[in-house]
């Protein structure tokens, strides 16, 4: 009997991990209640020269800090830049300092773009590590993760992703009367250990 694997990892597993983590971090621990419930949408991946296009203007009408982390099945895939998945974190610049403080990050007195983008990368790393660890607890192979790459408003060179994927999940979170944060993710199948 031939076992056919799904083209992408089940969003019914990943979305609750991500939404639960953000709600716990920002609301339960950080004390900022949501303005309204999070929203989940499935969007097609826009590809250009083998990379996923990323532009925050299709999600936000304000400036955003952006961070991206790639997932790999193993070190060899990481070294070959053969991504199994990607997670992108978008953070509204107007409320970023409050979101960082809720997540217990030290926000510098001089909130320049460079330091705020570094904090966005740190927050994206927290999310990615939590996702990797939770999937590992559920018996999936422990993934390698890249260091976060940080940007403002767009990622001109695009993002590496699993070429098997043609859609991504988009989760939007609303805090402080703003669309404060969004997470996009795409992931190919991950084998069980």
C-alpha atoms as a PDB file:
ATOM      1  CA  UNK A   1       0.000   0.000   0.000  1.00  0.00           C
ATOM      2  CA  UNK A   2       1.367   3.431  -0.949  1.00  0.00           C
ATOM      3  CA  UNK A   3       0.924   6.187   1.618  1.00  0.00           C
ATOM      4  CA  UNK A   4       0.270   9.562  -0.006  1.00  0.00           C
ATOM      5  CA  UNK A   5       1.358  12.526   2.077  1.00  0.00           C
ATOM      6  CA  UNK A   6      -0.497  15.817   2.114  1.00  0.00           C
ATOM      7  CA  UNK A   7       1.088  18.683   0.219  1.00  0.00           C
ATOM      8  CA  UNK A   8       1.130  20.868   3.310  1.00  0.00           C
ATOM      9  CA  UNK A   9       1.151  20.480   7.050  1.00  0.00           C
ATOM     10  CA  UNK A  10      -2.291  20.452   8.674  1.00  0.00           C
ATOM     11  CA  UNK A  11      -3.347  24.002   9.670  1.00  0.00           C
ATOM     12  CA  UNK A  12      -5.681  22.444  12.274  1.00  0.00           C
ATOM     13  CA  UNK A  13      -2.504  21.522  14.165  1.00  0.00           C
ATOM     14  CA  UNK A  14      -0.365  24.628  13.604  1.00  0.00           C
ATOM     15  CA  UNK A  15      -2.934  27.451  13.807  1.00  0.00           C
ATOM     16  CA  UNK A  16      -4.053  26.626  17.388  1.00  0.00           C
ATOM     17  CA  UNK A  17      -0.412  26.401  18.498  1.00  0.00           C
ATOM     18  CA  UNK A  18       0.325  29.869  17.090  1.00  0.00           C
ATOM     19  CA  UNK A  19      -2.890  31.582  18.195  1.00  0.00           C
ATOM     20  CA  UNK A  20      -2.678  30.061  21.670  1.00  0.00           C
ATOM     21  CA  UNK A  21       0.922  31.191  22.064  1.00  0.00           C
ATOM     22  CA  UNK A  22       0.224  34.803  20.998  1.00  0.00           C
ATOM     23  CA  UNK A  23      -2.895  35.032  23.174  1.00  0.00           C
ATOM     24  CA  UNK A  24      -1.019  33.609  26.168  1.00  0.00           C
ATOM     25  CA  UNK A  25       2.006  35.869  25.639  1.00  0.00           C
ATOM     26  CA  UNK A  26       0.200  39.161  24.911  1.00  0.00           C
ATOM     27  CA  UNK A  27      -3.078  38.775  26.832  1.00  0.00           C
ATOM     28  CA  UNK A  28      -2.582  36.326  29.699  1.00  0.00           C
ATOM     29  CA  UNK A  29       1.010  37.284  30.571  1.00  0.00           C
ATOM     30  CA  UNK A  30       1.203  40.752  29.018  1.00  0.00           C
ATOM     31  CA  UNK A  31      -2.170  42.064  30.159  1.00  0.00           C
ATOM     32  CA  UNK A  32      -3.346  43.406  26.788  1.00  0.00           C
ATOM     33  CA  UNK A  33      -6.800  42.054  25.918  1.00  0.00           C
ATOM     34  CA  UNK A  34      -7.663  41.515  22.256  1.00  0.00           C
ATOM     35  CA  UNK A  35      -9.761  44.241  20.647  1.00  0.00           C
ATOM     36  CA  UNK A  36     -11.473  41.503  18.647  1.00  0.00           C
ATOM     37  CA  UNK A  37     -10.889  37.837  17.879  1.00  0.00           C
ATOM     38  CA  UNK A  38      -8.008  36.780  15.678  1.00  0.00           C
ATOM     39  CA  UNK A  39      -8.783  36.027  12.024  1.00  0.00           C
ATOM     40  CA  UNK A  40      -7.396  33.205   9.903  1.00  0.00           C
ATOM     41  CA  UNK A  41      -7.321  33.263   6.102  1.00  0.00           C
ATOM     42  CA  UNK A  42      -5.792  31.024   3.455  1.00  0.00           C
ATOM     43  CA  UNK A  43      -3.934  32.972   0.779  1.00  0.00           C
ATOM     44  CA  UNK A  44      -2.128  31.889  -2.383  1.00  0.00           C
ATOM     45  CA  UNK A  45       1.646  32.189  -2.321  1.00  0.00           C
ATOM     46  CA  UNK A  46       2.795  34.806  -4.790  1.00  0.00           C
ATOM     47  CA  UNK A  47       6.067  33.586  -6.198  1.00  0.00           C
ATOM     48  CA  UNK A  48       8.805  35.408  -8.043  1.00  0.00           C
ATOM     49  CA  UNK A  49      12.014  33.663  -9.143  1.00  0.00           C
ATOM     50  CA  UNK A  50      11.395  30.748  -6.781  1.00  0.00           C
ATOM     51  CA  UNK A  51      10.816  32.845  -3.659  1.00  0.00           C
ATOM     52  CA  UNK A  52       7.671  33.947  -1.858  1.00  0.00           C
ATOM     53  CA  UNK A  53       6.874  37.606  -2.394  1.00  0.00           C
ATOM     54  CA  UNK A  54       6.316  39.583   0.798  1.00  0.00           C
ATOM     55  CA  UNK A  55       4.821  43.045   0.967  1.00  0.00           C
ATOM     56  CA  UNK A  56       3.115  44.306   4.105  1.00  0.00           C
ATOM     57  CA  UNK A  57       0.896  46.795   2.266  1.00  0.00           C
ATOM     58  CA  UNK A  58      -1.547  44.023   1.408  1.00  0.00           C
ATOM     59  CA  UNK A  59      -2.104  43.462   5.175  1.00  0.00           C
ATOM     60  CA  UNK A  60      -1.521  46.831   6.825  1.00  0.00           C
ATOM     61  CA  UNK A  61      -2.112  50.452   5.892  1.00  0.00           C
ATOM     62  CA  UNK A  62       0.664  51.562   8.279  1.00  0.00           C
ATOM     63  CA  UNK A  63       4.379  50.842   8.463  1.00  0.00           C
ATOM     64  CA  UNK A  64       5.349  47.443   9.882  1.00  0.00           C
ATOM     65  CA  UNK A  65       8.387  45.692  11.227  1.00  0.00           C
ATOM     66  CA  UNK A  66       8.861  42.289   9.622  1.00  0.00           C
ATOM     67  CA  UNK A  67      10.799  39.197  10.618  1.00  0.00           C
ATOM     68  CA  UNK A  68      11.104  35.832   8.887  1.00  0.00           C
ATOM     69  CA  UNK A  69      12.430  32.466  10.006  1.00  0.00           C
ATOM     70  CA  UNK A  70      12.794  29.374   7.837  1.00  0.00           C
ATOM     71  CA  UNK A  71      12.309  25.782   8.966  1.00  0.00           C
ATOM     72  CA  UNK A  72      14.429  22.888   7.675  1.00  0.00           C
ATOM     73  CA  UNK A  73      14.189  19.133   8.152  1.00  0.00           C
ATOM     74  CA  UNK A  74      17.886  18.844   9.059  1.00  0.00           C
ATOM     75  CA  UNK A  75      21.246  20.639   9.062  1.00  0.00           C
ATOM     76  CA  UNK A  76      22.050  19.508   5.499  1.00  0.00           C
ATOM     77  CA  UNK A  77      18.822  21.069   4.202  1.00  0.00           C
ATOM     78  CA  UNK A  78      19.609  24.215   6.182  1.00  0.00           C
ATOM     79  CA  UNK A  79      23.070  24.475   4.639  1.00  0.00           C
ATOM     80  CA  UNK A  80      21.576  23.883   1.175  1.00  0.00           C
ATOM     81  CA  UNK A  81      18.838  26.458   1.929  1.00  0.00           C
ATOM     82  CA  UNK A  82      16.177  23.834   1.145  1.00  0.00           C
ATOM     83  CA  UNK A  83      13.365  25.240   3.272  1.00  0.00           C
ATOM     84  CA  UNK A  84      10.558  23.029   4.546  1.00  0.00           C
ATOM     85  CA  UNK A  85       8.598  26.064   5.691  1.00  0.00           C
ATOM     86  CA  UNK A  86       8.623  29.692   6.727  1.00  0.00           C
ATOM     87  CA  UNK A  87       7.038  31.864   9.371  1.00  0.00           C
ATOM     88  CA  UNK A  88       6.703  35.616   8.933  1.00  0.00           C
ATOM     89  CA  UNK A  89       5.793  38.016  11.706  1.00  0.00           C
ATOM     90  CA  UNK A  90       4.429  41.473  10.890  1.00  0.00           C
ATOM     91  CA  UNK A  91       4.174  44.073  13.660  1.00  0.00           C
ATOM     92  CA  UNK A  92       2.347  47.410  13.395  1.00  0.00           C
ATOM     93  CA  UNK A  93       4.937  50.117  14.167  1.00  0.00           C
ATOM     94  CA  UNK A  94       2.318  52.275  15.928  1.00  0.00           C
ATOM     95  CA  UNK A  95       1.820  49.733  18.737  1.00  0.00           C
ATOM     96  CA  UNK A  96       5.050  47.719  18.490  1.00  0.00           C
ATOM     97  CA  UNK A  97       6.536  49.105  21.719  1.00  0.00           C
ATOM     98  CA  UNK A  98       3.452  48.070  23.729  1.00  0.00           C
ATOM     99  CA  UNK A  99       3.412  44.590  22.180  1.00  0.00           C
ATOM    100  CA  UNK A 100       7.134  44.139  22.928  1.00  0.00           C
ATOM    101  CA  UNK A 101       6.624  45.265  26.551  1.00  0.00           C
ATOM    102  CA  UNK A 102       3.673  42.851  26.930  1.00  0.00           C
ATOM    103  CA  UNK A 103       5.981  40.081  25.674  1.00  0.00           C
ATOM    104  CA  UNK A 104       8.486  41.168  28.391  1.00  0.00           C
ATOM    105  CA  UNK A 105      11.053  42.527  25.932  1.00  0.00           C
ATOM    106  CA  UNK A 106      13.188  45.485  27.038  1.00  0.00           C
ATOM    107  CA  UNK A 107      12.287  48.304  24.661  1.00  0.00           C
ATOM    108  CA  UNK A 108      15.203  50.729  24.228  1.00  0.00           C
ATOM    109  CA  UNK A 109      14.689  54.360  25.168  1.00  0.00           C
ATOM    110  CA  UNK A 110      15.690  55.321  21.616  1.00  0.00           C
ATOM    111  CA  UNK A 111      13.132  53.403  19.570  1.00  0.00           C
ATOM    112  CA  UNK A 112      14.997  53.565  16.278  1.00  0.00           C
ATOM    113  CA  UNK A 113      13.999  51.246  13.435  1.00  0.00           C
ATOM    114  CA  UNK A 114      17.100  49.091  13.777  1.00  0.00           C
ATOM    115  CA  UNK A 115      16.544  48.260  17.455  1.00  0.00           C
ATOM    116  CA  UNK A 116      12.797  47.723  16.936  1.00  0.00           C
ATOM    117  CA  UNK A 117      13.443  45.383  13.995  1.00  0.00           C
ATOM    118  CA  UNK A 118      15.866  43.428  16.192  1.00  0.00           C
ATOM    119  CA  UNK A 119      13.099  43.052  18.804  1.00  0.00           C
ATOM    120  CA  UNK A 120      10.711  41.911  16.049  1.00  0.00           C
ATOM    121  CA  UNK A 121      13.266  39.248  15.114  1.00  0.00           C
ATOM    122  CA  UNK A 122      13.432  38.171  18.755  1.00  0.00           C
ATOM    123  CA  UNK A 123       9.643  37.876  18.950  1.00  0.00           C
ATOM    124  CA  UNK A 124       9.549  35.892  15.693  1.00  0.00           C
ATOM    125  CA  UNK A 125      12.200  33.561  17.122  1.00  0.00           C
ATOM    126  CA  UNK A 126      10.111  33.016  20.268  1.00  0.00           C
ATOM    127  CA  UNK A 127       7.134  32.055  18.109  1.00  0.00           C
ATOM    128  CA  UNK A 128       9.185  29.769  15.836  1.00  0.00           C
ATOM    129  CA  UNK A 129      10.896  27.984  18.739  1.00  0.00           C
ATOM    130  CA  UNK A 130       7.545  27.460  20.473  1.00  0.00           C
ATOM    131  CA  UNK A 131       6.071  25.990  17.275  1.00  0.00           C
ATOM    132  CA  UNK A 132       9.075  23.709  16.715  1.00  0.00           C
ATOM    133  CA  UNK A 133       9.048  22.512  20.322  1.00  0.00           C
ATOM    134  CA  UNK A 134       5.291  21.870  20.386  1.00  0.00           C
ATOM    135  CA  UNK A 135       5.457  19.874  17.145  1.00  0.00           C
ATOM    136  CA  UNK A 136       8.337  17.903  18.662  1.00  0.00           C
ATOM    137  CA  UNK A 137       6.216  17.114  21.731  1.00  0.00           C
ATOM    138  CA  UNK A 138       3.534  15.808  19.352  1.00  0.00           C
ATOM    139  CA  UNK A 139       6.056  13.318  17.915  1.00  0.00           C
ATOM    140  CA  UNK A 140       7.177  15.197  14.804  1.00  0.00           C
ATOM    141  CA  UNK A 141      10.806  15.467  13.738  1.00  0.00           C
ATOM    142  CA  UNK A 142      12.565  18.364  15.468  1.00  0.00           C
ATOM    143  CA  UNK A 143      13.119  21.031  12.837  1.00  0.00           C
ATOM    144  CA  UNK A 144      16.167  23.213  12.342  1.00  0.00           C
ATOM    145  CA  UNK A 145      15.358  26.932  12.349  1.00  0.00           C
ATOM    146  CA  UNK A 146      17.216  29.813  10.770  1.00  0.00           C
ATOM    147  CA  UNK A 147      18.196  33.013  12.489  1.00  0.00           C
ATOM    148  CA  UNK A 148      15.541  35.691  12.015  1.00  0.00           C
ATOM    149  CA  UNK A 149      15.970  38.103   9.130  1.00  0.00           C
ATOM    150  CA  UNK A 150      14.411  41.515   9.790  1.00  0.00           C
ATOM    151  CA  UNK A 151      12.997  44.215   7.543  1.00  0.00           C
ATOM    152  CA  UNK A 152      10.629  47.151   7.424  1.00  0.00           C
ATOM    153  CA  UNK A 153       7.506  47.021   5.194  1.00  0.00           C
ATOM    154  CA  UNK A 154       8.746  44.540   2.564  1.00  0.00           C
ATOM    155  CA  UNK A 155      11.267  41.812   1.839  1.00  0.00           C
ATOM    156  CA  UNK A 156      12.521  42.781  -1.617  1.00  0.00           C
ATOM    157  CA  UNK A 157      14.375  39.510  -2.270  1.00  0.00           C
ATOM    158  CA  UNK A 158      11.422  37.395  -1.107  1.00  0.00           C
ATOM    159  CA  UNK A 159      11.451  34.420   1.243  1.00  0.00           C
ATOM    160  CA  UNK A 160      12.570  30.823   0.737  1.00  0.00           C
ATOM    161  CA  UNK A 161       9.748  28.308   1.116  1.00  0.00           C
ATOM    162  CA  UNK A 162       8.957  24.688   0.328  1.00  0.00           C
ATOM    163  CA  UNK A 163       8.335  24.579  -3.414  1.00  0.00           C
ATOM    164  CA  UNK A 164       5.593  21.992  -2.816  1.00  0.00           C
ATOM    165  CA  UNK A 165       3.475  24.751  -1.287  1.00  0.00           C
ATOM    166  CA  UNK A 166       1.084  26.964  -3.184  1.00  0.00           C
ATOM    167  CA  UNK A 167      -0.755  28.586  -0.275  1.00  0.00           C
ATOM    168  CA  UNK A 168      -0.035  30.062   3.118  1.00  0.00           C
ATOM    169  CA  UNK A 169      -2.005  30.645   6.300  1.00  0.00           C
ATOM    170  CA  UNK A 170      -2.439  34.242   7.433  1.00  0.00           C
ATOM    171  CA  UNK A 171      -3.389  34.928  11.061  1.00  0.00           C
ATOM    172  CA  UNK A 172      -4.250  38.493  12.107  1.00  0.00           C
ATOM    173  CA  UNK A 173      -4.338  39.641  15.753  1.00  0.00           C
ATOM    174  CA  UNK A 174      -6.076  42.755  17.031  1.00  0.00           C
ATOM    175  CA  UNK A 175      -4.835  44.575  20.125  1.00  0.00           C
ATOM    176  CA  UNK A 176      -5.019  48.194  21.303  1.00  0.00           C
ATOM    177  CA  UNK A 177      -7.762  48.996  18.752  1.00  0.00           C
ATOM    178  CA  UNK A 178      -5.371  48.154  15.896  1.00  0.00           C
ATOM    179  CA  UNK A 179      -4.526  45.257  13.687  1.00  0.00           C
ATOM    180  CA  UNK A 180      -1.379  44.887  15.752  1.00  0.00           C
ATOM    181  CA  UNK A 181       0.292  41.713  14.571  1.00  0.00           C
ATOM    182  CA  UNK A 182       0.034  39.165  11.783  1.00  0.00           C
ATOM    183  CA  UNK A 183       1.673  35.812  11.231  1.00  0.00           C
ATOM    184  CA  UNK A 184       1.983  34.122   7.843  1.00  0.00           C
ATOM    185  CA  UNK A 185       3.202  30.553   7.713  1.00  0.00           C
ATOM    186  CA  UNK A 186       3.658  27.809   5.178  1.00  0.00           C
ATOM    187  CA  UNK A 187       4.968  24.339   5.910  1.00  0.00           C
ATOM    188  CA  UNK A 188       5.503  21.180   3.945  1.00  0.00           C
ATOM    189  CA  UNK A 189       4.832  17.786   5.544  1.00  0.00           C
ATOM    190  CA  UNK A 190       6.994  16.902   8.547  1.00  0.00           C
ATOM    191  CA  UNK A 191       7.708  13.232   9.239  1.00  0.00           C
ATOM    192  CA  UNK A 192       7.019  11.670  12.630  1.00  0.00           C
ATOM    193  CA  UNK A 193      10.086  10.561  14.606  1.00  0.00           C
END
